Amino acid sequence: MTVLRAALLTLMVLVVPLARPVPLRAAVQTDEIAKHKINIAGRERMLVQRMAMLTCLAGTGVQSQSALARAAAASAQFDTVLTALRHGDPAQNLPPETNPQIQEQLLEVQSLWDGYRAAVERYIAEGHDNDLRAIHGRADPLMEAMNTAVQQMDHAYSGGLVAAEIANTINVAGGQRMLLMKLVKEICMAGRGYDVNGDRARLARTMDTFATRLDALQQGNAKTGVIAPPSFEIEMQLELVRIIWDWMGIPLGAALGGLLSDQEKLSELLYHVEVALQEMNAAVVMYEAY
């Protein structure tokens, strides 16, 4: 995989310079701010699942201190961005939200976040199983509420500020980051025994959704409003994600069969899902800059 990745990156450098997102503080077009908000709000979905994944892995003995530190960083980032989405923050190039429907939904997210954050912070500090159980139960409702806000932004900004197909594709590509965290969380949580059958069923759906949406991003899908890669750079970036995803298929298949539970294999899977997250996020940034 490393050799293929290096070859693809070399080809990208030779054929087309890497695109850089335009700094929003220097931008004057509101479509750039709209695309940025869809990206950043969409990233919040990922951070919810990331906290659950990392706290669970820490409790399972997988890179415990590092995982807890990363969970704390994800918590701080989620809180900072949520405040900025609601009230604005020039440092993040985010104006305050003015759409009443989105404002109301973000308030609902805030309410759910307050309880989730408390459980995450207690678990990081004390490591009690009842707090991890609370994280397990609260993660998906918070993620779903945040996802509703992202969908509202997608619809509110598309067709006017941003071309509908671009807004939707940024939304879908951004959602892939969340699914990567979610599937490892579900593997880990199944091992904790809180809801083994439910977590395995959710894992199967998460894997299927990620694969289906990656196909759509690489090939385009008119029915779901996802465009084919609009640039060679994005096409190659998605191919990097595909390479990592294909490798992950073996351990994920083992997880579906209940055979992925030891710390070494979970640690290896964590490493690769972090690489996949980095590459998927790079693709989203490219879409935002397009």
C-alpha atoms as a PDB file:
ATOM      1  CA  MET A   1       0.000   0.000   0.000  1.00  0.00           C
ATOM      2  CA  THR A   2       2.872   2.358   0.860  1.00  0.00           C
ATOM      3  CA  VAL A   3       4.483   1.876  -2.545  1.00  0.00           C
ATOM      4  CA  LEU A   4       1.194   2.470  -4.376  1.00  0.00           C
ATOM      5  CA  ARG A   5       0.490   5.548  -2.304  1.00  0.00           C
ATOM      6  CA  ALA A   6       3.928   6.978  -3.019  1.00  0.00           C
ATOM      7  CA  ALA A   7       3.512   6.327  -6.738  1.00  0.00           C
ATOM      8  CA  LEU A   8       0.129   8.013  -6.842  1.00  0.00           C
ATOM      9  CA  LEU A   9       1.387  11.032  -4.935  1.00  0.00           C
ATOM     10  CA  THR A  10       4.362  11.328  -7.270  1.00  0.00           C
ATOM     11  CA  LEU A  11       2.067  11.214 -10.298  1.00  0.00           C
ATOM     12  CA  MET A  12      -0.143  13.896  -8.794  1.00  0.00           C
ATOM     13  CA  VAL A  13       2.813  16.200  -8.233  1.00  0.00           C
ATOM     14  CA  LEU A  14       4.121  15.700 -11.751  1.00  0.00           C
ATOM     15  CA  VAL A  15       0.821  16.143 -13.563  1.00  0.00           C
ATOM     16  CA  VAL A  16      -1.042  18.779 -11.576  1.00  0.00           C
ATOM     17  CA  PRO A  17      -0.082  21.014  -8.654  1.00  0.00           C
ATOM     18  CA  LEU A  18      -1.881  20.342  -5.396  1.00  0.00           C
ATOM     19  CA  ALA A  19      -4.824  22.682  -4.941  1.00  0.00           C
ATOM     20  CA  ARG A  20      -4.962  24.733  -1.774  1.00  0.00           C
ATOM     21  CA  PRO A  21      -8.164  25.946  -0.150  1.00  0.00           C
ATOM     22  CA  VAL A  22      -8.615  29.693  -0.399  1.00  0.00           C
ATOM     23  CA  PRO A  23      -8.352  31.214   3.107  1.00  0.00           C
ATOM     24  CA  LEU A  24     -11.874  32.255   3.969  1.00  0.00           C
ATOM     25  CA  ARG A  25     -10.821  35.400   5.767  1.00  0.00           C
ATOM     26  CA  ALA A  26      -9.426  36.582   2.438  1.00  0.00           C
ATOM     27  CA  ALA A  27     -12.390  35.407   0.406  1.00  0.00           C
ATOM     28  CA  VAL A  28     -15.190  37.712  -0.610  1.00  0.00           C
ATOM     29  CA  GLN A  29     -17.582  35.160  -2.098  1.00  0.00           C
ATOM     30  CA  THR A  30     -20.219  33.809   0.273  1.00  0.00           C
ATOM     31  CA  ASP A  31     -20.209  30.487  -1.573  1.00  0.00           C
ATOM     32  CA  GLU A  32     -16.758  29.821  -0.104  1.00  0.00           C
ATOM     33  CA  ILE A  33     -18.050  30.454   3.411  1.00  0.00           C
ATOM     34  CA  ALA A  34     -21.028  28.167   2.746  1.00  0.00           C
ATOM     35  CA  LYS A  35     -18.800  25.317   1.529  1.00  0.00           C
ATOM     36  CA  HIS A  36     -16.514  25.814   4.517  1.00  0.00           C
ATOM     37  CA  LYS A  37     -19.445  25.612   6.946  1.00  0.00           C
ATOM     38  CA  ILE A  38     -20.732  22.384   5.374  1.00  0.00           C
ATOM     39  CA  ASN A  39     -17.253  20.891   5.694  1.00  0.00           C
ATOM     40  CA  ILE A  40     -16.638  22.043   9.278  1.00  0.00           C
ATOM     41  CA  ALA A  41     -20.133  21.190  10.497  1.00  0.00           C
ATOM     42  CA  GLY A  42     -19.802  17.806   8.807  1.00  0.00           C
ATOM     43  CA  ARG A  43     -16.538  17.225  10.632  1.00  0.00           C
ATOM     44  CA  GLU A  44     -18.409  17.564  13.927  1.00  0.00           C
ATOM     45  CA  ARG A  45     -20.212  14.289  13.119  1.00  0.00           C
ATOM     46  CA  MET A  46     -16.840  12.587  12.869  1.00  0.00           C
ATOM     47  CA  LEU A  47     -15.628  14.048  16.169  1.00  0.00           C
ATOM     48  CA  VAL A  48     -18.637  12.606  18.022  1.00  0.00           C
ATOM     49  CA  GLN A  49     -17.795   9.112  16.801  1.00  0.00           C
ATOM     50  CA  ARG A  50     -14.068   9.718  17.299  1.00  0.00           C
ATOM     51  CA  MET A  51     -14.550  10.403  21.005  1.00  0.00           C
ATOM     52  CA  ALA A  52     -16.569   7.202  21.401  1.00  0.00           C
ATOM     53  CA  MET A  53     -14.038   5.172  19.407  1.00  0.00           C
ATOM     54  CA  LEU A  54     -11.006   6.453  21.311  1.00  0.00           C
ATOM     55  CA  THR A  55     -12.487   6.162  24.798  1.00  0.00           C
ATOM     56  CA  CYS A  56     -13.593   2.601  24.041  1.00  0.00           C
ATOM     57  CA  LEU A  57     -10.185   1.641  22.683  1.00  0.00           C
ATOM     58  CA  ALA A  58      -8.490   3.193  25.707  1.00  0.00           C
ATOM     59  CA  GLY A  59     -10.734   1.134  27.985  1.00  0.00           C
ATOM     60  CA  THR A  60      -9.781  -1.971  26.025  1.00  0.00           C
ATOM     61  CA  GLY A  61      -6.074  -1.278  26.546  1.00  0.00           C
ATOM     62  CA  VAL A  62      -5.344  -0.084  23.007  1.00  0.00           C
ATOM     63  CA  GLN A  63      -2.864   2.818  23.082  1.00  0.00           C
ATOM     64  CA  SER A  64      -4.651   3.934  26.251  1.00  0.00           C
ATOM     65  CA  GLN A  65      -2.855   7.164  27.145  1.00  0.00           C
ATOM     66  CA  SER A  66      -2.594   8.331  23.547  1.00  0.00           C
ATOM     67  CA  ALA A  67      -6.228   7.431  22.871  1.00  0.00           C
ATOM     68  CA  LEU A  68      -7.455   9.370  25.897  1.00  0.00           C
ATOM     69  CA  ALA A  69      -5.379  12.402  24.901  1.00  0.00           C
ATOM     70  CA  ARG A  70      -6.818  12.301  21.389  1.00  0.00           C
ATOM     71  CA  ALA A  71     -10.332  11.948  22.797  1.00  0.00           C
ATOM     72  CA  ALA A  72      -9.787  15.032  24.949  1.00  0.00           C
ATOM     73  CA  ALA A  73      -8.526  16.949  21.909  1.00  0.00           C
ATOM     74  CA  ALA A  74     -11.588  15.868  19.904  1.00  0.00           C
ATOM     75  CA  SER A  75     -13.869  17.037  22.720  1.00  0.00           C
ATOM     76  CA  ALA A  76     -12.236  20.465  22.846  1.00  0.00           C
ATOM     77  CA  GLN A  77     -12.395  20.804  19.065  1.00  0.00           C
ATOM     78  CA  PHE A  78     -16.058  19.820  18.885  1.00  0.00           C
ATOM     79  CA  ASP A  79     -16.992  22.344  21.566  1.00  0.00           C
ATOM     80  CA  THR A  80     -15.027  25.179  19.962  1.00  0.00           C
ATOM     81  CA  VAL A  81     -16.515  24.562  16.524  1.00  0.00           C
ATOM     82  CA  LEU A  82     -20.073  24.163  17.804  1.00  0.00           C
ATOM     83  CA  THR A  83     -19.829  27.531  19.551  1.00  0.00           C
ATOM     84  CA  ALA A  84     -18.430  29.069  16.366  1.00  0.00           C
ATOM     85  CA  LEU A  85     -21.176  27.571  14.211  1.00  0.00           C
ATOM     86  CA  ARG A  86     -23.818  29.038  16.507  1.00  0.00           C
ATOM     87  CA  HIS A  87     -22.326  32.414  17.367  1.00  0.00           C
ATOM     88  CA  GLY A  88     -19.579  32.965  14.796  1.00  0.00           C
ATOM     89  CA  ASP A  89     -15.809  33.118  15.185  1.00  0.00           C
ATOM     90  CA  PRO A  90     -13.605  35.305  12.947  1.00  0.00           C
ATOM     91  CA  ALA A  91     -10.584  33.179  13.864  1.00  0.00           C
ATOM     92  CA  GLN A  92     -12.266  30.177  12.218  1.00  0.00           C
ATOM     93  CA  ASN A  93     -13.747  32.257   9.396  1.00  0.00           C
ATOM     94  CA  LEU A  94     -17.231  31.298  10.542  1.00  0.00           C
ATOM     95  CA  PRO A  95     -20.008  33.906  10.670  1.00  0.00           C
ATOM     96  CA  PRO A  96     -22.875  33.364  13.126  1.00  0.00           C
ATOM     97  CA  GLU A  97     -25.700  31.198  11.825  1.00  0.00           C
ATOM     98  CA  THR A  98     -28.731  33.291  10.847  1.00  0.00           C
ATOM     99  CA  ASN A  99     -31.085  30.619   9.465  1.00  0.00           C
ATOM    100  CA  PRO A 100     -33.761  30.088  12.175  1.00  0.00           C
ATOM    101  CA  GLN A 101     -34.204  26.383  11.416  1.00  0.00           C
ATOM    102  CA  ILE A 102     -30.468  25.715  11.601  1.00  0.00           C
ATOM    103  CA  GLN A 103     -30.169  27.833  14.744  1.00  0.00           C
ATOM    104  CA  GLU A 104     -32.843  25.721  16.423  1.00  0.00           C
ATOM    105  CA  GLN A 105     -31.168  22.479  15.374  1.00  0.00           C
ATOM    106  CA  LEU A 106     -27.767  23.623  16.631  1.00  0.00           C
ATOM    107  CA  LEU A 107     -29.404  24.438  19.963  1.00  0.00           C
ATOM    108  CA  GLU A 108     -30.641  20.835  20.087  1.00  0.00           C
ATOM    109  CA  VAL A 109     -27.098  19.678  19.329  1.00  0.00           C
ATOM    110  CA  GLN A 110     -25.826  21.842  22.186  1.00  0.00           C
ATOM    111  CA  SER A 111     -28.281  20.254  24.605  1.00  0.00           C
ATOM    112  CA  LEU A 112     -27.211  16.726  23.645  1.00  0.00           C
ATOM    113  CA  TRP A 113     -23.553  17.735  23.616  1.00  0.00           C
ATOM    114  CA  ASP A 114     -23.661  18.950  27.211  1.00  0.00           C
ATOM    115  CA  GLY A 115     -24.563  15.456  28.452  1.00  0.00           C
ATOM    116  CA  TYR A 116     -22.194  13.663  26.098  1.00  0.00           C
ATOM    117  CA  ARG A 117     -19.266  15.931  26.967  1.00  0.00           C
ATOM    118  CA  ALA A 118     -19.808  15.316  30.673  1.00  0.00           C
ATOM    119  CA  ALA A 119     -19.622  11.538  30.147  1.00  0.00           C
ATOM    120  CA  VAL A 120     -16.519  11.837  27.964  1.00  0.00           C
ATOM    121  CA  GLU A 121     -14.739  14.102  30.440  1.00  0.00           C
ATOM    122  CA  ARG A 122     -15.574  11.858  33.396  1.00  0.00           C
ATOM    123  CA  TYR A 123     -14.354   8.771  31.552  1.00  0.00           C
ATOM    124  CA  ILE A 124     -11.092  10.438  30.577  1.00  0.00           C
ATOM    125  CA  ALA A 125     -10.546  11.506  34.191  1.00  0.00           C
ATOM    126  CA  GLU A 126     -11.777   8.421  36.042  1.00  0.00           C
ATOM    127  CA  GLY A 127     -12.210   5.531  33.588  1.00  0.00           C
ATOM    128  CA  HIS A 128     -15.465   4.195  35.035  1.00  0.00           C
ATOM    129  CA  ASP A 129     -17.342   1.695  32.913  1.00  0.00           C
ATOM    130  CA  ASN A 130     -20.715   3.339  33.527  1.00  0.00           C
ATOM    131  CA  ASP A 131     -19.431   6.484  31.792  1.00  0.00           C
ATOM    132  CA  LEU A 132     -18.248   4.470  28.789  1.00  0.00           C
ATOM    133  CA  ARG A 133     -21.677   2.834  28.709  1.00  0.00           C
ATOM    134  CA  ALA A 134     -23.195   6.343  28.674  1.00  0.00           C
ATOM    135  CA  ILE A 135     -20.908   7.332  25.801  1.00  0.00           C
ATOM    136  CA  HIS A 136     -22.087   4.249  23.933  1.00  0.00           C
ATOM    137  CA  GLY A 137     -25.710   5.253  24.382  1.00  0.00           C
ATOM    138  CA  ARG A 138     -25.319   8.982  23.706  1.00  0.00           C
ATOM    139  CA  ALA A 139     -22.962   9.008  20.703  1.00  0.00           C
ATOM    140  CA  ASP A 140     -25.386   8.139  17.923  1.00  0.00           C
ATOM    141  CA  PRO A 141     -28.230  10.469  18.994  1.00  0.00           C
ATOM    142  CA  LEU A 142     -25.773  13.390  19.125  1.00  0.00           C
ATOM    143  CA  MET A 143     -24.267  12.416  15.771  1.00  0.00           C
ATOM    144  CA  GLU A 144     -27.734  12.167  14.224  1.00  0.00           C
ATOM    145  CA  ALA A 145     -28.715  15.600  15.559  1.00  0.00           C
ATOM    146  CA  MET A 146     -25.511  17.074  14.146  1.00  0.00           C
ATOM    147  CA  ASN A 147     -26.158  15.305  10.858  1.00  0.00           C
ATOM    148  CA  THR A 148     -29.600  16.922  10.684  1.00  0.00           C
ATOM    149  CA  ALA A 149     -27.947  20.330  11.041  1.00  0.00           C
ATOM    150  CA  VAL A 150     -25.518  19.502   8.225  1.00  0.00           C
ATOM    151  CA  GLN A 151     -28.370  18.396   5.960  1.00  0.00           C
ATOM    152  CA  GLN A 152     -30.162  21.655   6.705  1.00  0.00           C
ATOM    153  CA  MET A 153     -27.047  23.620   5.759  1.00  0.00           C
ATOM    154  CA  ASP A 154     -26.686  21.577   2.587  1.00  0.00           C
ATOM    155  CA  HIS A 155     -30.256  22.407   1.544  1.00  0.00           C
ATOM    156  CA  ALA A 156     -30.164  26.033   2.710  1.00  0.00           C
ATOM    157  CA  TYR A 157     -26.936  26.893   0.913  1.00  0.00           C
ATOM    158  CA  SER A 158     -27.284  24.800  -2.260  1.00  0.00           C
ATOM    159  CA  GLY A 159     -28.778  26.136  -5.459  1.00  0.00           C
ATOM    160  CA  GLY A 160     -28.071  29.715  -4.466  1.00  0.00           C
ATOM    161  CA  LEU A 161     -24.808  30.194  -2.621  1.00  0.00           C
ATOM    162  CA  VAL A 162     -23.342  26.881  -3.800  1.00  0.00           C
ATOM    163  CA  ALA A 163     -24.200  24.594  -6.724  1.00  0.00           C
ATOM    164  CA  ALA A 164     -26.460  21.892  -5.295  1.00  0.00           C
ATOM    165  CA  GLU A 165     -24.282  19.029  -6.518  1.00  0.00           C
ATOM    166  CA  ILE A 166     -21.148  20.531  -4.945  1.00  0.00           C
ATOM    167  CA  ALA A 167     -22.840  21.148  -1.586  1.00  0.00           C
ATOM    168  CA  ASN A 168     -24.206  17.606  -1.528  1.00  0.00           C
ATOM    169  CA  THR A 169     -20.915  16.032  -2.556  1.00  0.00           C
ATOM    170  CA  ILE A 170     -19.027  17.905   0.176  1.00  0.00           C
ATOM    171  CA  ASN A 171     -21.655  16.665   2.612  1.00  0.00           C
ATOM    172  CA  VAL A 172     -21.355  13.032   1.456  1.00  0.00           C
ATOM    173  CA  ALA A 173     -17.551  13.091   1.319  1.00  0.00           C
ATOM    174  CA  GLY A 174     -17.451  14.663   4.759  1.00  0.00           C
ATOM    175  CA  GLY A 175     -19.743  11.953   6.089  1.00  0.00           C
ATOM    176  CA  GLN A 176     -17.178   9.323   5.112  1.00  0.00           C
ATOM    177  CA  ARG A 177     -14.890  10.660   7.852  1.00  0.00           C
ATOM    178  CA  MET A 178     -17.600   9.951  10.416  1.00  0.00           C
ATOM    179  CA  LEU A 179     -18.253   6.449   9.083  1.00  0.00           C
ATOM    180  CA  LEU A 180     -14.585   5.506   9.461  1.00  0.00           C
ATOM    181  CA  MET A 181     -14.642   6.416  13.148  1.00  0.00           C
ATOM    182  CA  LYS A 182     -18.057   4.834  13.635  1.00  0.00           C
ATOM    183  CA  LEU A 183     -17.102   1.423  12.303  1.00  0.00           C
ATOM    184  CA  VAL A 184     -14.086   1.076  14.607  1.00  0.00           C
ATOM    185  CA  LYS A 185     -16.203   2.320  17.513  1.00  0.00           C
ATOM    186  CA  GLU A 186     -18.779  -0.386  16.753  1.00  0.00           C
ATOM    187  CA  ILE A 187     -16.100  -3.083  16.647  1.00  0.00           C
ATOM    188  CA  CYS A 188     -14.740  -1.945  19.987  1.00  0.00           C
ATOM    189  CA  MET A 189     -18.121  -1.449  21.655  1.00  0.00           C
ATOM    190  CA  ALA A 190     -19.258  -4.921  20.548  1.00  0.00           C
ATOM    191  CA  GLY A 191     -16.279  -6.238  22.472  1.00  0.00           C
ATOM    192  CA  ARG A 192     -17.424  -4.379  25.591  1.00  0.00           C
ATOM    193  CA  GLY A 193     -20.677  -6.330  25.537  1.00  0.00           C
ATOM    194  CA  TYR A 194     -23.127  -3.457  25.958  1.00  0.00           C
ATOM    195  CA  ASP A 195     -25.157  -4.418  22.863  1.00  0.00           C
ATOM    196  CA  VAL A 196     -23.201  -7.035  20.965  1.00  0.00           C
ATOM    197  CA  ASN A 197     -25.802  -7.934  18.358  1.00  0.00           C
ATOM    198  CA  GLY A 198     -26.848  -4.328  17.861  1.00  0.00           C
ATOM    199  CA  ASP A 199     -23.285  -3.108  17.429  1.00  0.00           C
ATOM    200  CA  ARG A 200     -22.454  -5.867  14.939  1.00  0.00           C
ATOM    201  CA  ALA A 201     -25.606  -5.095  12.946  1.00  0.00           C
ATOM    202  CA  ARG A 202     -24.724  -1.407  12.931  1.00  0.00           C
ATOM    203  CA  LEU A 203     -21.161  -2.269  11.883  1.00  0.00           C
ATOM    204  CA  ALA A 204     -22.428  -4.186   8.852  1.00  0.00           C
ATOM    205  CA  ARG A 205     -24.595  -1.210   7.828  1.00  0.00           C
ATOM    206  CA  THR A 206     -21.754   1.268   8.393  1.00  0.00           C
ATOM    207  CA  MET A 207     -19.363  -0.749   6.247  1.00  0.00           C
ATOM    208  CA  ASP A 208     -21.951  -1.074   3.469  1.00  0.00           C
ATOM    209  CA  THR A 209     -22.732   2.646   3.577  1.00  0.00           C
ATOM    210  CA  PHE A 210     -19.069   3.640   3.413  1.00  0.00           C
ATOM    211  CA  ALA A 211     -18.402   1.311   0.463  1.00  0.00           C
ATOM    212  CA  THR A 212     -21.505   2.471  -1.422  1.00  0.00           C
ATOM    213  CA  ARG A 213     -20.688   6.135  -0.942  1.00  0.00           C
ATOM    214  CA  LEU A 214     -17.046   5.660  -1.892  1.00  0.00           C
ATOM    215  CA  ASP A 215     -18.234   4.080  -5.145  1.00  0.00           C
ATOM    216  CA  ALA A 216     -20.509   7.074  -5.717  1.00  0.00           C
ATOM    217  CA  LEU A 217     -17.720   9.554  -5.029  1.00  0.00           C
ATOM    218  CA  GLN A 218     -15.349   7.774  -7.409  1.00  0.00           C
ATOM    219  CA  GLN A 219     -17.857   7.188 -10.218  1.00  0.00           C
ATOM    220  CA  GLY A 220     -20.628   9.711  -9.607  1.00  0.00           C
ATOM    221  CA  ASN A 221     -24.242   8.869  -8.811  1.00  0.00           C
ATOM    222  CA  ALA A 222     -26.987  11.015 -10.300  1.00  0.00           C
ATOM    223  CA  LYS A 223     -29.676   9.428  -8.113  1.00  0.00           C
ATOM    224  CA  THR A 224     -27.973  10.563  -4.911  1.00  0.00           C
ATOM    225  CA  GLY A 225     -26.707  13.855  -6.324  1.00  0.00           C
ATOM    226  CA  VAL A 226     -23.025  12.953  -6.040  1.00  0.00           C
ATOM    227  CA  ILE A 227     -20.784  14.151  -8.847  1.00  0.00           C
ATOM    228  CA  ALA A 228     -17.841  12.213 -10.263  1.00  0.00           C
ATOM    229  CA  PRO A 229     -14.431  13.586  -9.238  1.00  0.00           C
ATOM    230  CA  PRO A 230     -14.297  17.094 -10.757  1.00  0.00           C
ATOM    231  CA  SER A 231     -10.501  17.108 -10.961  1.00  0.00           C
ATOM    232  CA  PHE A 232      -7.658  14.685 -11.476  1.00  0.00           C
ATOM    233  CA  GLU A 233      -6.320  15.560  -8.040  1.00  0.00           C
ATOM    234  CA  ILE A 234      -9.561  14.588  -6.309  1.00  0.00           C
ATOM    235  CA  GLU A 235      -9.750  11.405  -8.388  1.00  0.00           C
ATOM    236  CA  MET A 236      -6.275  10.368  -7.219  1.00  0.00           C
ATOM    237  CA  GLN A 237      -7.011  11.328  -3.622  1.00  0.00           C
ATOM    238  CA  LEU A 238     -10.085   9.104  -3.590  1.00  0.00           C
ATOM    239  CA  GLU A 239      -7.992   6.302  -5.041  1.00  0.00           C
ATOM    240  CA  LEU A 240      -5.692   6.577  -2.020  1.00  0.00           C
ATOM    241  CA  VAL A 241      -8.721   6.176   0.221  1.00  0.00           C
ATOM    242  CA  ARG A 242      -9.796   3.147  -1.843  1.00  0.00           C
ATOM    243  CA  ILE A 243      -6.415   1.474  -1.396  1.00  0.00           C
ATOM    244  CA  ILE A 244      -6.576   1.839   2.381  1.00  0.00           C
ATOM    245  CA  TRP A 245     -10.222   0.745   2.470  1.00  0.00           C
ATOM    246  CA  ASP A 246      -9.464  -2.381   0.463  1.00  0.00           C
ATOM    247  CA  TRP A 247      -6.735  -3.322   2.937  1.00  0.00           C
ATOM    248  CA  MET A 248      -9.113  -2.762   5.856  1.00  0.00           C
ATOM    249  CA  GLY A 249     -11.594  -5.218   4.354  1.00  0.00           C
ATOM    250  CA  ILE A 250      -9.824  -8.248   5.859  1.00  0.00           C
ATOM    251  CA  PRO A 251      -9.823  -7.141   9.516  1.00  0.00           C
ATOM    252  CA  LEU A 252     -13.301  -5.652   9.144  1.00  0.00           C
ATOM    253  CA  GLY A 253     -14.579  -8.961   7.816  1.00  0.00           C
ATOM    254  CA  ALA A 254     -13.024 -10.671  10.816  1.00  0.00           C
ATOM    255  CA  ALA A 255     -14.755  -8.160  13.095  1.00  0.00           C
ATOM    256  CA  LEU A 256     -18.132  -8.984  11.577  1.00  0.00           C
ATOM    257  CA  GLY A 257     -17.492 -12.599  12.505  1.00  0.00           C
ATOM    258  CA  GLY A 258     -16.517 -11.655  16.042  1.00  0.00           C
ATOM    259  CA  LEU A 259     -12.876 -12.603  15.483  1.00  0.00           C
ATOM    260  CA  LEU A 260     -11.204  -9.201  15.946  1.00  0.00           C
ATOM    261  CA  SER A 261     -10.718  -8.609  19.652  1.00  0.00           C
ATOM    262  CA  ASP A 262      -7.061  -8.712  20.673  1.00  0.00           C
ATOM    263  CA  GLN A 263      -5.250  -5.461  21.405  1.00  0.00           C
ATOM    264  CA  GLU A 264      -2.562  -5.863  18.757  1.00  0.00           C
ATOM    265  CA  LYS A 265      -5.055  -6.262  15.905  1.00  0.00           C
ATOM    266  CA  LEU A 266      -7.222  -3.422  17.181  1.00  0.00           C
ATOM    267  CA  SER A 267      -4.160  -1.199  17.432  1.00  0.00           C
ATOM    268  CA  GLU A 268      -3.214  -2.035  13.853  1.00  0.00           C
ATOM    269  CA  LEU A 269      -6.746  -1.271  12.688  1.00  0.00           C
ATOM    270  CA  LEU A 270      -6.666   2.036  14.580  1.00  0.00           C
ATOM    271  CA  TYR A 271      -3.474   3.006  12.772  1.00  0.00           C
ATOM    272  CA  HIS A 272      -4.975   2.342   9.364  1.00  0.00           C
ATOM    273  CA  VAL A 273      -8.294   4.033  10.098  1.00  0.00           C
ATOM    274  CA  GLU A 274      -6.378   7.130  11.213  1.00  0.00           C
ATOM    275  CA  VAL A 275      -4.522   7.115   7.897  1.00  0.00           C
ATOM    276  CA  ALA A 276      -7.812   6.650   6.045  1.00  0.00           C
ATOM    277  CA  LEU A 277      -9.303   9.566   7.988  1.00  0.00           C
ATOM    278  CA  GLN A 278      -6.374  11.803   7.052  1.00  0.00           C
ATOM    279  CA  GLU A 279      -6.687  10.950   3.363  1.00  0.00           C
ATOM    280  CA  MET A 280     -10.488  11.266   3.347  1.00  0.00           C
ATOM    281  CA  ASN A 281     -10.258  14.651   5.032  1.00  0.00           C
ATOM    282  CA  ALA A 282      -7.769  15.773   2.400  1.00  0.00           C
ATOM    283  CA  ALA A 283     -10.337  14.881  -0.270  1.00  0.00           C
ATOM    284  CA  VAL A 284     -13.026  16.936   1.487  1.00  0.00           C
ATOM    285  CA  VAL A 285     -10.710  19.949   1.632  1.00  0.00           C
ATOM    286  CA  MET A 286     -10.109  19.574  -2.101  1.00  0.00           C
ATOM    287  CA  TYR A 287     -13.853  19.548  -2.764  1.00  0.00           C
ATOM    288  CA  GLU A 288     -14.248  22.662  -0.625  1.00  0.00           C
ATOM    289  CA  ALA A 289     -11.546  24.433  -2.612  1.00  0.00           C
ATOM    290  CA  TYR A 290     -12.978  23.374  -5.979  1.00  0.00           C
END
